[in-house]
């Protein structure tokens, strides 16, 4: 395999970042020489010269030395001198070394990014589309010899957090409660998978829209038992009301669900849920709810009311049969 002299892996999908980091490590150095030919720099407490020294050290009983740099902030603002020093060095990395950067924040306009992209490979790990997640879960099930329908996978995607790491964890739970050759069902998902905060917010707003205050308060209480903070729940409720309002307005302009999803930067199924929930509220009711969410946030932060009581009051008000 022909290697580049420098790699940069970054992006919001951490599962893919970690996956390809492991792949590269396994291919560049062998486990029996890793302790002698792997240098790891985590965080910001090191200098560019330390990285350079490691890269220029001759590997021991191996063709290459791997220098792994994680979370350095060298590709963002704040470390200009070290970033410039490395930008000068990158084109001259010796053939015996490979630099691998794993970063969260990356400024693609920076000189170091451009030099890495020229001399090696910079790859952004973006969140996969719903179709890509469907295919990925399907392949996981095939490898573990489980049957699963497309509708069941869609239920899983709507029920759990939408990043690959969380999905992988939930799939392991499902493999644990099903046998080889068995079919994974919706009941299995509801029995063992942990619903995402977003999913619970959907349920809470559903209960509010259907004028079921006891059900809404029960969902809220369960969220508190799961250590969710009331202020975070309030922010998510406001976000949901905002998405419903925006989706409703765009749908009235004859926009399709996929077009609305692209405009709002959310997945299509979220728009579908929002359009369904839009039927439970009037436009005036939605705007009023957004104003009350803002007022509750201000009252909490100014100490006028406790966060728990503020959210409960909001829920009761809009789940009341007198509210739209």
Protein backbone atom coordinates (compact mmCIF):
# COMPACT_ATOMS: atom_id res chain seq x y z
CA UNK A 1 0.00 0.00 0.00
CA UNK A 2 1.31 3.44 -0.95
CA UNK A 3 0.96 5.91 1.94
CA UNK A 4 0.75 9.67 1.91
CA UNK A 5 3.18 11.46 4.21
CA UNK A 6 0.46 13.32 6.08
CA UNK A 7 -3.24 12.78 6.81
CA UNK A 8 -5.90 14.94 8.42
CA UNK A 9 -9.18 13.41 9.60
CA UNK A 10 -11.87 15.75 10.88
CA UNK A 11 -15.62 16.31 10.89
CA UNK A 12 -18.81 15.79 12.87
CA UNK A 13 -19.08 12.02 12.45
CA UNK A 14 -16.64 10.88 15.15
CA UNK A 15 -17.37 7.20 14.53
CA UNK A 16 -15.87 7.43 11.04
CA UNK A 17 -12.94 9.52 12.28
CA UNK A 18 -12.07 6.86 14.88
CA UNK A 19 -12.68 4.04 12.40
CA UNK A 20 -10.25 5.38 9.82
CA UNK A 21 -7.72 6.32 12.49
CA UNK A 22 -7.64 2.66 13.57
CA UNK A 23 -7.41 1.51 9.94
CA UNK A 24 -4.44 3.74 9.23
CA UNK A 25 -2.65 2.81 12.45
CA UNK A 26 -3.05 -0.89 11.70
CA UNK A 27 -1.66 -0.52 8.18
CA UNK A 28 1.21 1.87 8.95
CA UNK A 29 2.78 0.09 11.95
CA UNK A 30 2.55 -3.45 13.30
CA UNK A 31 1.49 -4.17 16.90
CA UNK A 32 4.89 -5.64 17.80
CA UNK A 33 6.74 -2.43 16.84
CA UNK A 34 4.07 0.09 17.86
CA UNK A 35 5.66 0.89 21.22
CA UNK A 36 8.87 1.95 19.46
CA UNK A 37 7.46 3.63 16.35
CA UNK A 38 4.37 5.47 17.54
CA UNK A 39 4.41 8.97 19.02
CA UNK A 40 1.08 10.35 20.29
CA UNK A 41 0.45 14.03 21.05
CA UNK A 42 -2.94 14.70 22.69
CA UNK A 43 -4.27 18.22 23.22
CA UNK A 44 -2.44 21.54 23.06
CA UNK A 45 0.36 21.00 25.61
CA UNK A 46 3.17 20.46 23.13
CA UNK A 47 5.08 22.46 20.54
CA UNK A 48 5.51 22.11 16.82
CA UNK A 49 9.21 21.34 17.41
CA UNK A 50 8.28 18.28 19.47
CA UNK A 51 6.21 16.97 16.55
CA UNK A 52 9.05 17.72 14.15
CA UNK A 53 11.56 15.90 16.36
CA UNK A 54 9.31 12.83 16.50
CA UNK A 55 8.79 12.85 12.72
CA UNK A 56 12.54 13.11 12.10
CA UNK A 57 13.41 10.23 14.42
CA UNK A 58 14.47 7.14 12.49
CA UNK A 59 12.03 4.21 12.97
CA UNK A 60 13.28 1.13 14.80
CA UNK A 61 12.97 -2.22 12.98
CA UNK A 62 10.24 -0.77 10.77
CA UNK A 63 9.92 1.17 7.52
CA UNK A 64 7.95 3.99 9.09
CA UNK A 65 7.25 5.93 12.24
CA UNK A 66 3.71 7.19 12.90
CA UNK A 67 3.25 10.55 14.59
CA UNK A 68 -0.34 10.88 15.78
CA UNK A 69 -1.61 14.34 16.77
CA UNK A 70 -5.10 14.67 18.30
CA UNK A 71 -7.10 17.77 19.24
CA UNK A 72 -4.14 20.12 18.80
CA UNK A 73 -6.11 23.18 17.56
CA UNK A 74 -3.26 23.69 15.09
CA UNK A 75 -5.81 24.00 12.28
CA UNK A 76 -7.84 26.68 14.08
CA UNK A 77 -6.98 30.09 15.51
CA UNK A 78 -4.78 30.53 18.58
CA UNK A 79 -1.61 28.59 17.65
CA UNK A 80 -0.34 30.59 14.71
CA UNK A 81 3.40 30.22 15.36
CA UNK A 82 3.25 26.42 15.75
CA UNK A 83 0.85 26.14 12.83
CA UNK A 84 3.20 28.13 10.56
CA UNK A 85 6.18 26.05 11.69
CA UNK A 86 4.42 22.85 10.72
CA UNK A 87 3.16 24.31 7.43
CA UNK A 88 6.81 24.89 6.44
CA UNK A 89 7.78 21.34 7.50
CA UNK A 90 4.90 19.38 5.89
CA UNK A 91 6.29 19.38 2.30
CA UNK A 92 9.59 17.98 3.61
CA UNK A 93 8.33 15.19 5.88
CA UNK A 94 10.88 12.36 5.56
CA UNK A 95 9.84 9.18 3.78
CA UNK A 96 10.29 7.27 7.06
CA UNK A 97 7.51 9.19 8.84
CA UNK A 98 3.78 9.68 8.52
CA UNK A 99 1.91 12.45 10.30
CA UNK A 100 -1.73 11.79 11.22
CA UNK A 101 -3.82 14.69 12.55
CA UNK A 102 -7.19 14.04 14.23
CA UNK A 103 -8.97 17.36 14.76
CA UNK A 104 -12.34 18.81 15.75
CA UNK A 105 -11.97 22.42 14.59
CA UNK A 106 -10.47 23.01 11.15
CA UNK A 107 -10.15 26.25 9.20
CA UNK A 108 -9.89 25.18 5.58
CA UNK A 109 -8.52 28.63 4.69
CA UNK A 110 -5.46 28.19 6.91
CA UNK A 111 -1.98 27.65 5.47
CA UNK A 112 -1.41 24.41 7.39
CA UNK A 113 -4.63 22.89 6.04
CA UNK A 114 -3.66 23.81 2.49
CA UNK A 115 -0.17 22.36 2.88
CA UNK A 116 -1.53 19.12 4.34
CA UNK A 117 -4.06 18.85 1.52
CA UNK A 118 -1.30 19.37 -1.07
CA UNK A 119 1.24 16.98 0.45
CA UNK A 120 -1.17 14.36 1.73
CA UNK A 121 -4.87 13.88 2.31
CA UNK A 122 -7.41 15.89 4.31
CA UNK A 123 -10.76 14.15 4.73
CA UNK A 124 -13.90 15.57 6.33
CA UNK A 125 -16.11 12.91 7.90
CA UNK A 126 -19.61 14.24 7.36
CA UNK A 127 -22.76 12.84 8.91
CA UNK A 128 -24.15 10.19 6.53
CA UNK A 129 -27.50 10.59 4.85
CA UNK A 130 -30.52 8.58 5.90
CA UNK A 131 -30.04 6.25 2.92
CA UNK A 132 -26.38 5.70 3.84
CA UNK A 133 -27.38 4.89 7.43
CA UNK A 134 -30.04 2.49 6.14
CA UNK A 135 -27.44 0.67 4.02
CA UNK A 136 -24.93 0.64 6.89
CA UNK A 137 -27.36 -0.87 9.42
CA UNK A 138 -28.53 -3.40 6.82
CA UNK A 139 -24.92 -4.52 6.23
CA UNK A 140 -24.28 -4.75 9.99
CA UNK A 141 -27.29 -7.04 10.33
CA UNK A 142 -26.15 -9.22 7.42
CA UNK A 143 -22.70 -9.63 8.98
CA UNK A 144 -24.27 -10.63 12.29
CA UNK A 145 -26.81 -12.88 10.52
CA UNK A 146 -29.92 -11.01 11.60
CA UNK A 147 -32.97 -10.17 9.50
CA UNK A 148 -34.38 -6.65 9.52
CA UNK A 149 -36.88 -4.77 7.39
CA UNK A 150 -36.40 -1.28 5.99
CA UNK A 151 -39.30 0.01 8.11
CA UNK A 152 -37.71 -1.40 11.27
CA UNK A 153 -34.42 0.33 10.48
CA UNK A 154 -36.29 3.58 9.92
CA UNK A 155 -37.91 3.10 13.34
CA UNK A 156 -34.44 2.66 14.84
CA UNK A 157 -33.17 5.83 13.14
CA UNK A 158 -36.13 7.80 14.45
CA UNK A 159 -35.87 6.32 17.93
CA UNK A 160 -32.17 6.66 18.72
CA UNK A 161 -29.51 9.33 18.41
CA UNK A 162 -28.58 9.87 14.78
CA UNK A 163 -24.80 9.48 14.93
CA UNK A 164 -23.06 6.27 13.91
CA UNK A 165 -21.41 5.65 17.28
CA UNK A 166 -24.76 5.70 19.11
CA UNK A 167 -26.35 3.56 16.40
CA UNK A 168 -23.53 1.02 16.65
CA UNK A 169 -24.05 0.80 20.43
CA UNK A 170 -27.81 0.34 20.02
CA UNK A 171 -27.26 -2.34 17.38
CA UNK A 172 -25.04 -4.26 19.80
CA UNK A 173 -27.92 -4.24 22.30
CA UNK A 174 -30.25 -5.61 19.61
CA UNK A 175 -27.78 -8.32 18.61
CA UNK A 176 -27.56 -9.24 22.30
CA UNK A 177 -31.29 -9.89 22.66
CA UNK A 178 -31.81 -11.65 19.31
CA UNK A 179 -30.41 -14.94 18.09
CA UNK A 180 -28.62 -15.73 14.85
CA UNK A 181 -31.17 -15.95 12.04
CA UNK A 182 -33.85 -14.07 13.97
CA UNK A 183 -35.57 -10.91 12.79
CA UNK A 184 -35.09 -7.66 14.70
CA UNK A 185 -38.48 -6.07 15.39
CA UNK A 186 -39.87 -2.72 16.48
CA UNK A 187 -40.70 -4.33 19.84
CA UNK A 188 -37.01 -5.24 20.28
CA UNK A 189 -36.04 -1.61 19.65
CA UNK A 190 -38.56 -0.27 22.16
CA UNK A 191 -37.49 -2.89 24.72
CA UNK A 192 -33.72 -2.33 24.78
CA UNK A 193 -32.77 0.85 22.90
CA UNK A 194 -32.35 4.21 24.60
CA UNK A 195 -34.54 6.89 23.01
CA UNK A 196 -32.65 10.01 21.95
CA UNK A 197 -33.47 13.35 23.59
CA UNK A 198 -34.90 14.50 20.26
CA UNK A 199 -37.23 11.49 20.16
CA UNK A 200 -38.50 12.22 23.67
CA UNK A 201 -39.06 15.86 22.70
CA UNK A 202 -41.15 14.66 19.73
CA UNK A 203 -43.23 12.59 22.16
CA UNK A 204 -43.58 15.47 24.63
CA UNK A 205 -44.72 17.93 21.94
CA UNK A 206 -47.10 15.27 20.60
CA UNK A 207 -48.68 14.96 24.05
CA UNK A 208 -48.95 18.76 24.29
CA UNK A 209 -50.51 19.00 20.84
CA UNK A 210 -52.98 16.21 21.63
CA UNK A 211 -54.00 18.03 24.86
CA UNK A 212 -52.72 15.32 27.18
CA UNK A 213 -51.06 17.26 30.04
CA UNK A 214 -50.63 14.19 32.29
CA UNK A 215 -48.82 12.33 29.52
CA UNK A 216 -46.63 15.37 28.72
CA UNK A 217 -45.69 15.86 32.38
CA UNK A 218 -44.95 12.14 32.72
CA UNK A 219 -42.52 12.31 29.77
CA UNK A 220 -40.92 15.41 31.29
CA UNK A 221 -40.53 13.66 34.68
CA UNK A 222 -38.91 10.63 33.01
CA UNK A 223 -36.47 12.91 31.21
CA UNK A 224 -35.49 14.45 34.54
CA UNK A 225 -34.97 10.95 35.99
CA UNK A 226 -32.61 10.29 33.08
CA UNK A 227 -30.57 13.33 34.23
CA UNK A 228 -31.64 15.69 31.44
CA UNK A 229 -31.45 19.32 32.58
CA UNK A 230 -34.73 21.31 32.50
CA UNK A 231 -33.06 24.21 30.68
CA UNK A 232 -31.77 21.84 27.98
CA UNK A 233 -35.28 20.38 27.65
CA UNK A 234 -36.69 23.92 27.31
CA UNK A 235 -34.19 24.70 24.55
CA UNK A 236 -35.16 21.51 22.71
CA UNK A 237 -38.88 22.25 23.08
CA UNK A 238 -38.28 25.73 21.62
CA UNK A 239 -36.25 24.19 18.79
CA UNK A 240 -39.08 21.78 18.02
CA UNK A 241 -41.70 24.55 17.96
CA UNK A 242 -39.40 26.57 15.69
CA UNK A 243 -38.89 23.64 13.29
CA UNK A 244 -42.64 23.01 13.19
CA UNK A 245 -43.27 26.69 12.42
CA UNK A 246 -40.62 26.81 9.69
CA UNK A 247 -41.68 23.49 8.15
CA UNK A 248 -45.33 24.56 8.12
CA UNK A 249 -44.51 27.90 6.45
CA UNK A 250 -42.31 26.28 3.80
CA UNK A 251 -44.85 23.53 3.08
CA UNK A 252 -47.46 26.23 2.46
CA UNK A 253 -45.11 27.54 -0.23
CA UNK A 254 -45.30 24.12 -1.91
CA UNK A 255 -41.87 22.99 -0.78
CA UNK A 256 -41.35 19.22 -0.56
CA UNK A 257 -40.13 17.52 2.62
CA UNK A 258 -36.69 16.94 1.10
CA UNK A 259 -36.41 20.59 0.05
CA UNK A 260 -37.46 21.75 3.51
CA UNK A 261 -34.91 19.39 5.12
CA UNK A 262 -32.13 20.84 2.96
CA UNK A 263 -33.15 24.42 3.78
CA UNK A 264 -33.36 23.73 7.54
CA UNK A 265 -30.26 21.46 7.60
CA UNK A 266 -32.11 18.55 9.23
CA UNK A 267 -32.97 15.01 8.15
CA UNK A 268 -36.10 14.39 6.06
CA UNK A 269 -37.85 12.33 8.74
CA UNK A 270 -37.58 15.27 11.18
CA UNK A 271 -39.43 17.45 8.67
CA UNK A 272 -42.03 14.71 8.21
CA UNK A 273 -42.59 14.62 11.98
CA UNK A 274 -42.77 18.41 12.15
CA UNK A 275 -45.37 18.59 9.37
CA UNK A 276 -47.44 15.95 11.14
CA UNK A 277 -47.23 17.89 14.41
CA UNK A 278 -48.06 21.15 12.62
CA UNK A 279 -51.63 19.87 12.27
CA UNK A 280 -51.94 19.96 16.07
CA UNK A 281 -51.25 23.71 16.37
CA UNK A 282 -52.41 26.94 14.75
CA UNK A 283 -49.80 29.34 13.40
CA UNK A 284 -50.74 31.78 16.16
CA UNK A 285 -50.37 29.08 18.78
CA UNK A 286 -46.89 28.18 17.54
CA UNK A 287 -45.70 31.80 17.59
CA UNK A 288 -47.15 32.23 21.07
CA UNK A 289 -45.34 29.08 22.23
CA UNK A 290 -42.03 30.39 20.88
CA UNK A 291 -42.51 33.69 22.71
CA UNK A 292 -43.33 31.85 25.94
CA UNK A 293 -40.24 29.63 25.56
CA UNK A 294 -38.09 32.76 25.26
CA UNK A 295 -39.78 34.36 28.26
CA UNK A 296 -39.29 31.18 30.31
CA UNK A 297 -35.59 31.13 29.39
CA UNK A 298 -35.19 34.77 30.51
CA UNK A 299 -37.08 34.14 33.76
CA UNK A 300 -34.95 31.09 34.59
CA UNK A 301 -31.65 32.84 33.91
CA UNK A 302 -32.72 35.92 35.90
CA UNK A 303 -33.70 33.76 38.87
CA UNK A 304 -37.39 34.68 38.81
CA UNK A 305 -38.49 31.05 38.59
CA UNK A 306 -36.92 27.61 38.94
CA UNK A 307 -36.07 25.82 35.70
CA UNK A 308 -38.27 22.81 36.52
CA UNK A 309 -41.32 24.92 37.39
CA UNK A 310 -40.88 27.09 34.28
CA UNK A 311 -40.96 24.06 31.97
CA UNK A 312 -43.88 22.47 33.81
CA UNK A 313 -45.86 25.73 33.57
CA UNK A 314 -45.19 25.91 29.82
CA UNK A 315 -46.26 22.31 29.30
CA UNK A 316 -49.48 22.72 31.27
CA UNK A 317 -50.36 25.94 29.46
CA UNK A 318 -50.06 24.49 25.94
CA UNK A 319 -51.44 21.05 26.78
CA UNK A 320 -54.56 22.72 28.16
CA UNK A 321 -57.71 22.13 26.12
CA UNK A 322 -58.18 25.92 25.95
CA UNK A 323 -54.89 26.46 24.06
CA UNK A 324 -54.21 26.10 20.36
